[in-house]
Amino acid sequence: MTLTTLNAKLTADLQKSETPVILCGLSLGAVLTLMQLVKPATKIIGAVVSAPQFQAPNRLLMKA
């Protein structure tokens, strides 16, 4: 699974949400959270990130 795929799945889940959300992410989760925060008009009202990786680790992710 790639970072792009994970981000697309998270985007789809957030679009289904009827209520505002607060995202929390550690490492790769922090990268995904930051990727969501730069999108306009999201339902995210807050975020907590810890130890985001500077560069996306696509080569480290395994295929689904």
PDB file of N, CA and C in Angstrom:
ATOM      1  N   MET A   1       0.851  -1.162   0.000  1.00  0.00           N
ATOM      2  CA  MET A   1       0.000   0.000   0.000  1.00  0.00           C
ATOM      3  C   MET A   1       0.904   1.234   0.000  1.00  0.00           C
ATOM      4  N   THR A   2       0.581   2.193  -0.829  1.00  0.00           N
ATOM      5  CA  THR A   2       1.408   3.392  -0.933  1.00  0.00           C
ATOM      6  C   THR A   2       0.846   4.523  -0.084  1.00  0.00           C
ATOM      7  N   LEU A   3       1.639   5.535   0.109  1.00  0.00           N
ATOM      8  CA  LEU A   3       1.205   6.719   0.843  1.00  0.00           C
ATOM      9  C   LEU A   3       0.017   7.365   0.140  1.00  0.00           C
ATOM     10  N   THR A   4       0.046   7.395  -1.180  1.00  0.00           N
ATOM     11  CA  THR A   4      -1.051   7.981  -1.950  1.00  0.00           C
ATOM     12  C   THR A   4      -2.351   7.215  -1.708  1.00  0.00           C
ATOM     13  N   THR A   5      -2.274   5.899  -1.675  1.00  0.00           N
ATOM     14  CA  THR A   5      -3.452   5.070  -1.423  1.00  0.00           C
ATOM     15  C   THR A   5      -3.990   5.294  -0.013  1.00  0.00           C
ATOM     16  N   LEU A   6      -3.098   5.322   0.962  1.00  0.00           N
ATOM     17  CA  LEU A   6      -3.518   5.576   2.343  1.00  0.00           C
ATOM     18  C   LEU A   6      -4.196   6.931   2.472  1.00  0.00           C
ATOM     19  N   ASN A   7      -3.626   7.940   1.823  1.00  0.00           N
ATOM     20  CA  ASN A   7      -4.191   9.283   1.888  1.00  0.00           C
ATOM     21  C   ASN A   7      -5.566   9.325   1.228  1.00  0.00           C
ATOM     22  N   ALA A   8      -5.725   8.624   0.111  1.00  0.00           N
ATOM     23  CA  ALA A   8      -7.017   8.588  -0.571  1.00  0.00           C
ATOM     24  C   ALA A   8      -8.076   7.907   0.297  1.00  0.00           C
ATOM     25  N   LYS A   9      -7.697   6.836   0.976  1.00  0.00           N
ATOM     26  CA  LYS A   9      -8.642   6.147   1.862  1.00  0.00           C
ATOM     27  C   LYS A   9      -9.032   7.026   3.046  1.00  0.00           C
ATOM     28  N   LEU A  10      -8.066   7.736   3.598  1.00  0.00           N
ATOM     29  CA  LEU A  10      -8.363   8.645   4.701  1.00  0.00           C
ATOM     30  C   LEU A  10      -9.284   9.771   4.233  1.00  0.00           C
ATOM     31  N   THR A  11      -9.019  10.302   3.060  1.00  0.00           N
ATOM     32  CA  THR A  11      -9.870  11.353   2.493  1.00  0.00           C
ATOM     33  C   THR A  11     -11.302  10.856   2.336  1.00  0.00           C
ATOM     34  N   ALA A  12     -11.463   9.646   1.821  1.00  0.00           N
ATOM     35  CA  ALA A  12     -12.799   9.080   1.626  1.00  0.00           C
ATOM     36  C   ALA A  12     -13.513   8.899   2.973  1.00  0.00           C
ATOM     37  N   ASP A  13     -12.792   8.426   3.976  1.00  0.00           N
ATOM     38  CA  ASP A  13     -13.396   8.249   5.299  1.00  0.00           C
ATOM     39  C   ASP A  13     -13.803   9.584   5.907  1.00  0.00           C
ATOM     40  N   LEU A  14     -12.977  10.596   5.735  1.00  0.00           N
ATOM     41  CA  LEU A  14     -13.304  11.915   6.273  1.00  0.00           C
ATOM     42  C   LEU A  14     -14.512  12.523   5.568  1.00  0.00           C
ATOM     43  N   GLN A  15     -14.645  12.280   4.280  1.00  0.00           N
ATOM     44  CA  GLN A  15     -15.788  12.808   3.537  1.00  0.00           C
ATOM     45  C   GLN A  15     -17.094  12.161   3.990  1.00  0.00           C
ATOM     46  N   LYS A  16     -17.036  10.940   4.478  1.00  0.00           N
ATOM     47  CA  LYS A  16     -18.227  10.241   4.970  1.00  0.00           C
ATOM     48  C   LYS A  16     -18.672  10.751   6.340  1.00  0.00           C
ATOM     49  N   SER A  17     -17.748  11.344   7.064  1.00  0.00           N
ATOM     50  CA  SER A  17     -18.054  11.800   8.415  1.00  0.00           C
ATOM     51  C   SER A  17     -19.069  12.942   8.388  1.00  0.00           C
ATOM     52  N   GLU A  18     -20.051  12.851   9.273  1.00  0.00           N
ATOM     53  CA  GLU A  18     -21.058  13.904   9.358  1.00  0.00           C
ATOM     54  C   GLU A  18     -20.700  14.940  10.418  1.00  0.00           C
ATOM     55  N   THR A  19     -19.683  14.656  11.207  1.00  0.00           N
ATOM     56  CA  THR A  19     -19.290  15.573  12.265  1.00  0.00           C
ATOM     57  C   THR A  19     -17.845  16.016  12.066  1.00  0.00           C
ATOM     58  N   PRO A  20     -17.471  17.157  12.640  1.00  0.00           N
ATOM     59  CA  PRO A  20     -16.068  17.585  12.579  1.00  0.00           C
ATOM     60  C   PRO A  20     -15.172  16.560  13.283  1.00  0.00           C
ATOM     61  N   VAL A  21     -13.920  16.479  12.859  1.00  0.00           N
ATOM     62  CA  VAL A  21     -12.999  15.503  13.431  1.00  0.00           C
ATOM     63  C   VAL A  21     -11.708  16.166  13.904  1.00  0.00           C
ATOM     64  N   ILE A  22     -11.057  15.502  14.832  1.00  0.00           N
ATOM     65  CA  ILE A  22      -9.712  15.864  15.269  1.00  0.00           C
ATOM     66  C   ILE A  22      -8.830  14.676  14.915  1.00  0.00           C
ATOM     67  N   LEU A  23      -7.804  14.919  14.110  1.00  0.00           N
ATOM     68  CA  LEU A  23      -6.894  13.844  13.709  1.00  0.00           C
ATOM     69  C   LEU A  23      -5.663  13.839  14.610  1.00  0.00           C
ATOM     70  N   CYS A  24      -5.211  12.656  14.951  1.00  0.00           N
ATOM     71  CA  CYS A  24      -3.976  12.477  15.706  1.00  0.00           C
ATOM     72  C   CYS A  24      -3.109  11.491  14.926  1.00  0.00           C
ATOM     73  N   GLY A  25      -1.828  11.825  14.778  1.00  0.00           N
ATOM     74  CA  GLY A  25      -0.969  10.928  14.031  1.00  0.00           C
ATOM     75  C   GLY A  25       0.450  10.893  14.567  1.00  0.00           C
ATOM     76  N   LEU A  26       1.040   9.709  14.514  1.00  0.00           N
ATOM     77  CA  LEU A  26       2.422   9.493  14.920  1.00  0.00           C
ATOM     78  C   LEU A  26       3.181   8.943  13.723  1.00  0.00           C
ATOM     79  N   SER A  27       4.315   9.527  13.395  1.00  0.00           N
ATOM     80  CA  SER A  27       5.171   9.087  12.304  1.00  0.00           C
ATOM     81  C   SER A  27       4.417   9.150  10.974  1.00  0.00           C
ATOM     82  N   LEU A  28       4.122   8.017  10.353  1.00  0.00           N
ATOM     83  CA  LEU A  28       3.405   8.028   9.083  1.00  0.00           C
ATOM     84  C   LEU A  28       2.008   8.625   9.250  1.00  0.00           C
ATOM     85  N   GLY A  29       1.376   8.356  10.376  1.00  0.00           N
ATOM     86  CA  GLY A  29       0.064   8.951  10.655  1.00  0.00           C
ATOM     87  C   GLY A  29       0.135  10.466  10.729  1.00  0.00           C
ATOM     88  N   ALA A  30       1.251  10.993  11.227  1.00  0.00           N
ATOM     89  CA  ALA A  30       1.439  12.438  11.277  1.00  0.00           C
ATOM     90  C   ALA A  30       1.578  13.012   9.872  1.00  0.00           C
ATOM     91  N   VAL A  31       2.262  12.294   9.000  1.00  0.00           N
ATOM     92  CA  VAL A  31       2.396  12.730   7.601  1.00  0.00           C
ATOM     93  C   VAL A  31       1.015  12.769   6.954  1.00  0.00           C
ATOM     94  N   LEU A  32       0.222  11.738   7.157  1.00  0.00           N
ATOM     95  CA  LEU A  32      -1.128  11.704   6.589  1.00  0.00           C
ATOM     96  C   LEU A  32      -1.991  12.836   7.146  1.00  0.00           C
ATOM     97  N   THR A  33      -1.863  13.096   8.433  1.00  0.00           N
ATOM     98  CA  THR A  33      -2.616  14.191   9.047  1.00  0.00           C
ATOM     99  C   THR A  33      -2.228  15.525   8.419  1.00  0.00           C
ATOM    100  N   LEU A  34      -0.945  15.756   8.244  1.00  0.00           N
ATOM    101  CA  LEU A  34      -0.489  17.010   7.635  1.00  0.00           C
ATOM    102  C   LEU A  34      -0.963  17.126   6.189  1.00  0.00           C
ATOM    103  N   MET A  35      -0.979  16.016   5.478  1.00  0.00           N
ATOM    104  CA  MET A  35      -1.468  16.033   4.093  1.00  0.00           C
ATOM    105  C   MET A  35      -2.946  16.417   4.052  1.00  0.00           C
ATOM    106  N   GLN A  36      -3.705  15.979   5.035  1.00  0.00           N
ATOM    107  CA  GLN A  36      -5.126  16.335   5.089  1.00  0.00           C
ATOM    108  C   GLN A  36      -5.318  17.800   5.465  1.00  0.00           C
ATOM    109  N   LEU A  37      -4.460  18.317   6.324  1.00  0.00           N
ATOM    110  CA  LEU A  37      -4.604  19.692   6.789  1.00  0.00           C
ATOM    111  C   LEU A  37      -4.385  20.728   5.690  1.00  0.00           C
ATOM    112  N   VAL A  38      -3.626  20.399   4.675  1.00  0.00           N
ATOM    113  CA  VAL A  38      -3.374  21.373   3.603  1.00  0.00           C
ATOM    114  C   VAL A  38      -4.485  21.380   2.559  1.00  0.00           C
ATOM    115  N   LYS A  39      -5.427  20.457   2.660  1.00  0.00           N
ATOM    116  CA  LYS A  39      -6.553  20.430   1.723  1.00  0.00           C
ATOM    117  C   LYS A  39      -7.584  21.471   2.151  1.00  0.00           C
ATOM    118  N   PRO A  40      -8.169  22.173   1.194  1.00  0.00           N
ATOM    119  CA  PRO A  40      -9.185  23.171   1.549  1.00  0.00           C
ATOM    120  C   PRO A  40     -10.507  22.514   1.951  1.00  0.00           C
ATOM    121  N   ALA A  41     -11.249  23.205   2.780  1.00  0.00           N
ATOM    122  CA  ALA A  41     -12.614  22.822   3.152  1.00  0.00           C
ATOM    123  C   ALA A  41     -12.739  21.394   3.679  1.00  0.00           C
ATOM    124  N   THR A  42     -11.940  21.068   4.665  1.00  0.00           N
ATOM    125  CA  THR A  42     -12.071  19.752   5.292  1.00  0.00           C
ATOM    126  C   THR A  42     -12.894  19.874   6.570  1.00  0.00           C
ATOM    127  N   LYS A  43     -13.270  18.757   7.120  1.00  0.00           N
ATOM    128  CA  LYS A  43     -14.042  18.720   8.365  1.00  0.00           C
ATOM    129  C   LYS A  43     -13.133  18.639   9.589  1.00  0.00           C
ATOM    130  N   ILE A  44     -11.840  18.830   9.382  1.00  0.00           N
ATOM    131  CA  ILE A  44     -10.876  18.727  10.476  1.00  0.00           C
ATOM    132  C   ILE A  44     -10.888  20.030  11.270  1.00  0.00           C
ATOM    133  N   ILE A  45     -11.149  19.905  12.580  1.00  0.00           N
ATOM    134  CA  ILE A  45     -11.169  21.093  13.429  1.00  0.00           C
ATOM    135  C   ILE A  45      -9.944  21.165  14.338  1.00  0.00           C
ATOM    136  N   GLY A  46      -9.143  20.113  14.335  1.00  0.00           N
ATOM    137  CA  GLY A  46      -7.933  20.101  15.144  1.00  0.00           C
ATOM    138  C   GLY A  46      -7.052  18.930  14.761  1.00  0.00           C
ATOM    139  N   ALA A  47      -5.786  19.032  15.182  1.00  0.00           N
ATOM    140  CA  ALA A  47      -4.848  17.959  14.860  1.00  0.00           C
ATOM    141  C   ALA A  47      -3.722  17.920  15.884  1.00  0.00           C
ATOM    142  N   VAL A  48      -3.236  16.705  16.116  1.00  0.00           N
ATOM    143  CA  VAL A  48      -2.062  16.477  16.945  1.00  0.00           C
ATOM    144  C   VAL A  48      -1.124  15.614  16.117  1.00  0.00           C
ATOM    145  N   VAL A  49       0.101  16.094  15.896  1.00  0.00           N
ATOM    146  CA  VAL A  49       1.074  15.307  15.144  1.00  0.00           C
ATOM    147  C   VAL A  49       2.345  15.154  15.966  1.00  0.00           C
ATOM    148  N   SER A  50       2.958  13.992  15.844  1.00  0.00           N
ATOM    149  CA  SER A  50       4.199  13.719  16.559  1.00  0.00           C
ATOM    150  C   SER A  50       5.147  12.965  15.637  1.00  0.00           C
ATOM    151  N   ALA A  51       6.355  13.447  15.519  1.00  0.00           N
ATOM    152  CA  ALA A  51       7.426  12.821  14.759  1.00  0.00           C
ATOM    153  C   ALA A  51       7.074  12.526  13.303  1.00  0.00           C
ATOM    154  N   PRO A  52       6.542  13.533  12.575  1.00  0.00           N
ATOM    155  CA  PRO A  52       6.286  13.263  11.155  1.00  0.00           C
ATOM    156  C   PRO A  52       7.595  13.088  10.407  1.00  0.00           C
ATOM    157  N   GLN A  53       7.591  12.202   9.431  1.00  0.00           N
ATOM    158  CA  GLN A  53       8.782  11.990   8.622  1.00  0.00           C
ATOM    159  C   GLN A  53       8.913  13.132   7.635  1.00  0.00           C
ATOM    160  N   PHE A  54      10.123  13.561   7.386  1.00  0.00           N
ATOM    161  CA  PHE A  54      10.353  14.676   6.473  1.00  0.00           C
ATOM    162  C   PHE A  54      10.018  14.310   5.042  1.00  0.00           C
ATOM    163  N   GLN A  55      10.338  13.096   4.637  1.00  0.00           N
ATOM    164  CA  GLN A  55      10.083  12.649   3.276  1.00  0.00           C
ATOM    165  C   GLN A  55       9.184  11.420   3.314  1.00  0.00           C
ATOM    166  N   ALA A  56       8.218  11.384   2.427  1.00  0.00           N
ATOM    167  CA  ALA A  56       7.275  10.272   2.393  1.00  0.00           C
ATOM    168  C   ALA A  56       7.995   8.945   2.117  1.00  0.00           C
ATOM    169  N   PRO A  57       7.697   7.910   2.903  1.00  0.00           N
ATOM    170  CA  PRO A  57       8.410   6.641   2.809  1.00  0.00           C
ATOM    171  C   PRO A  57       7.762   5.634   1.856  1.00  0.00           C
ATOM    172  N   ASN A  58       7.378   6.045   0.656  1.00  0.00           N
ATOM    173  CA  ASN A  58       6.696   5.131  -0.266  1.00  0.00           C
ATOM    174  C   ASN A  58       7.451   3.823  -0.468  1.00  0.00           C
ATOM    175  N   ARG A  59       8.754   3.859  -0.535  1.00  0.00           N
ATOM    176  CA  ARG A  59       9.502   2.639  -0.782  1.00  0.00           C
ATOM    177  C   ARG A  59       9.496   1.692   0.413  1.00  0.00           C
ATOM    178  N   LEU A  60       9.108   2.181   1.577  1.00  0.00           N
ATOM    179  CA  LEU A  60       9.081   1.341   2.761  1.00  0.00           C
ATOM    180  C   LEU A  60       7.742   0.653   2.970  1.00  0.00           C
ATOM    181  N   LEU A  61       6.716   1.126   2.282  1.00  0.00           N
ATOM    182  CA  LEU A  61       5.391   0.563   2.476  1.00  0.00           C
ATOM    183  C   LEU A  61       5.228  -0.713   1.665  1.00  0.00           C
ATOM    184  N   MET A  62       4.509  -1.644   2.213  1.00  0.00           N
ATOM    185  CA  MET A  62       4.311  -2.922   1.546  1.00  0.00           C
ATOM    186  C   MET A  62       3.077  -2.872   0.651  1.00  0.00           C
ATOM    187  N   LYS A  63       3.053  -3.687  -0.370  1.00  0.00           N
ATOM    188  CA  LYS A  63       1.878  -3.783  -1.219  1.00  0.00           C
ATOM    189  C   LYS A  63       0.763  -4.504  -0.465  1.00  0.00           C
ATOM    190  N   ALA A  64      -0.466  -4.088  -0.753  1.00  0.00           N
ATOM    191  CA  ALA A  64      -1.624  -4.703  -0.093  1.00  0.00           C
ATOM    192  C   ALA A  64      -1.895  -6.085  -0.655  1.00  0.00           C
TER     193      ALA A  64
END
